[in-house]
Structures are given as structure tokens and as C-alpha cells.
Amino acid sequence: MDSLKVRIKRRLETYLELDIDGFRKFIIDILLRLKKVTVDQLYNELNRKFKVSFSAVASTLGYIHSKLGILHAYKESYKTPIVYSLKEEYEDLVKSALRNSAAKPS
């Protein structure tokens, strides 16, 4: 594994270790399942299980995009929402980190 993937994996594992209520793991799991999401879609999914604000979802998604580096952001035009998608090269890494975090006691 090259050094960039190692750093990203370490960041992702640390991010998931700090998950107190399962919110972060739930988001990562949704990203794995849906592959592409907008803030609206993610908010609607999260609102079924967690009491969360729209801005909290937007900032969390922005954090995952900018700090973890596992998402690609695409905006077709200035009128359309940003579509976030999981980068294919990190899919296995994300699955592994999610499995490892589930195996560890919280």
C-alpha cells in the first residue's frame, strides 16, 4: 500500500474511533451503499435514525471530503447540488476500516 493510502487509512480509522453514537459509521456505511449522495439525500437517510440538523450533515460531509480525502465532489452547474461520490480506489480501504471499527469495542 502506498504512503498516501496508508495515511488516508490511518485518518479514517482515527475518525471512526472517535465515533461515540454511531453517526460517523452510519455515514460511511451509507456512502459505501449508495456510492453517490447529495447533502439532501444524506440528511434524509440520517434523519431516520439520528436527530441531526441539515448543517451538521453538510459540515460532516465536507469534513470527510476535505480531510479524509475519500470522496470526489462534482457539481454539474451552479444550480445543481454538489454530488459526493466515494472514490473507487478507496472502496476496499473504507470497507476494511469500517469492519475494523465494528470489531473494536466502543
Protein backbone atom coordinates (compact mmCIF):
# COMPACT_ATOMS: atom_id res chain seq x y z
CA MET A 1 0.00 0.00 0.00
CA ASP A 2 1.47 3.36 -0.97
CA SER A 3 2.04 6.04 1.64
CA LEU A 4 -0.99 8.13 0.64
CA LYS A 5 -3.36 5.19 1.15
CA VAL A 6 -1.69 4.40 4.47
CA ARG A 7 -2.19 7.99 5.65
CA ILE A 8 -5.81 8.03 4.48
CA LYS A 9 -6.49 4.70 6.19
CA ARG A 10 -4.97 6.00 9.42
CA ARG A 11 -7.08 9.19 9.24
CA LEU A 12 -10.23 7.20 8.54
CA GLU A 13 -9.58 4.77 11.40
CA THR A 14 -8.97 7.66 13.80
CA TYR A 15 -12.14 9.37 12.55
CA LEU A 16 -14.17 6.22 13.20
CA GLU A 17 -12.54 5.58 16.60
CA LEU A 18 -13.87 8.94 17.80
CA ASP A 19 -17.42 7.96 16.85
CA ILE A 20 -19.46 8.00 20.06
CA ASP A 21 -23.02 7.43 18.87
CA GLY A 22 -22.54 5.55 15.59
CA PHE A 23 -23.22 8.66 13.49
CA ARG A 24 -19.90 8.56 11.62
CA LYS A 25 -20.03 4.83 10.92
CA PHE A 26 -23.58 5.22 9.65
CA ILE A 27 -22.49 7.96 7.21
CA ILE A 28 -19.55 5.90 5.92
CA ASP A 29 -21.84 2.90 5.51
CA ILE A 30 -24.34 4.99 3.51
CA LEU A 31 -21.53 6.23 1.28
CA LEU A 32 -20.48 2.64 0.65
CA ARG A 33 -24.01 1.53 -0.17
CA LEU A 34 -25.22 4.47 -2.27
CA LYS A 35 -21.90 5.38 -3.92
CA LYS A 36 -23.20 8.89 -4.77
CA VAL A 37 -25.06 11.26 -2.44
CA THR A 38 -26.07 14.88 -2.08
CA VAL A 39 -26.36 16.61 1.27
CA ASP A 40 -30.18 16.39 0.93
CA GLN A 41 -30.10 12.63 0.35
CA LEU A 42 -27.71 12.04 3.22
CA TYR A 43 -29.75 14.27 5.53
CA ASN A 44 -32.92 12.32 4.72
CA GLU A 45 -31.17 9.00 5.39
CA LEU A 46 -29.63 10.19 8.66
CA ASN A 47 -32.80 11.83 9.90
CA ARG A 48 -34.46 8.41 10.06
CA LYS A 49 -32.05 7.23 12.74
CA PHE A 50 -30.48 10.35 14.30
CA LYS A 51 -31.76 13.74 15.34
CA VAL A 52 -29.40 15.89 13.29
CA SER A 53 -29.50 19.29 11.60
CA PHE A 54 -29.02 19.86 7.90
CA SER A 55 -25.95 22.00 8.54
CA ALA A 56 -24.38 19.26 10.69
CA VAL A 57 -24.79 16.80 7.83
CA ALA A 58 -23.35 19.28 5.33
CA SER A 59 -20.35 20.04 7.52
CA THR A 60 -19.71 16.36 8.23
CA LEU A 61 -19.79 15.53 4.53
CA GLY A 62 -17.49 18.48 3.83
CA TYR A 63 -15.09 17.29 6.51
CA ILE A 64 -15.00 13.77 5.07
CA HIS A 65 -14.37 15.23 1.62
CA SER A 66 -11.66 17.68 2.59
CA LYS A 67 -9.83 15.99 5.47
CA LEU A 68 -10.18 12.27 4.79
CA GLY A 69 -9.84 12.50 1.02
CA ILE A 70 -12.06 9.53 0.18
CA LEU A 71 -14.76 11.47 -1.67
CA HIS A 72 -14.99 13.12 -5.05
CA ALA A 73 -17.22 16.20 -5.31
CA TYR A 74 -18.94 17.10 -8.56
CA LYS A 75 -21.26 19.97 -9.43
CA GLU A 76 -22.86 19.91 -12.87
CA SER A 77 -23.88 23.58 -12.84
CA TYR A 78 -24.24 26.37 -10.35
CA LYS A 79 -27.95 25.49 -9.99
CA THR A 80 -27.46 21.84 -9.07
CA PRO A 81 -26.34 20.46 -5.69
CA ILE A 82 -22.89 19.02 -5.20
CA VAL A 83 -22.83 15.25 -5.68
CA TYR A 84 -20.33 13.44 -3.47
CA SER A 85 -19.12 10.02 -4.52
CA LEU A 86 -16.79 7.54 -2.90
CA LYS A 87 -13.54 7.25 -4.84
CA GLU A 88 -13.30 3.72 -6.24
CA GLU A 89 -9.65 3.30 -5.28
CA TYR A 90 -10.58 3.72 -1.59
CA GLU A 91 -13.65 1.48 -1.51
CA ASP A 92 -11.82 -1.58 -0.13
CA LEU A 93 -9.89 0.57 2.32
CA VAL A 94 -13.15 2.08 3.63
CA LYS A 95 -14.77 -1.35 3.95
CA SER A 96 -11.76 -2.61 5.89
CA ALA A 97 -11.73 0.40 8.23
CA LEU A 98 -15.45 0.03 8.85
CA ARG A 99 -15.07 -3.68 9.64
CA ASN A 100 -12.15 -2.98 11.97
CA SER A 101 -14.08 -0.28 13.82
CA ALA A 102 -17.08 -2.59 14.23
CA ALA A 103 -14.83 -5.30 15.68
CA LYS A 104 -13.39 -2.97 18.32
CA PRO A 105 -15.45 -2.41 21.46
CA SER A 106 -16.67 1.19 21.80
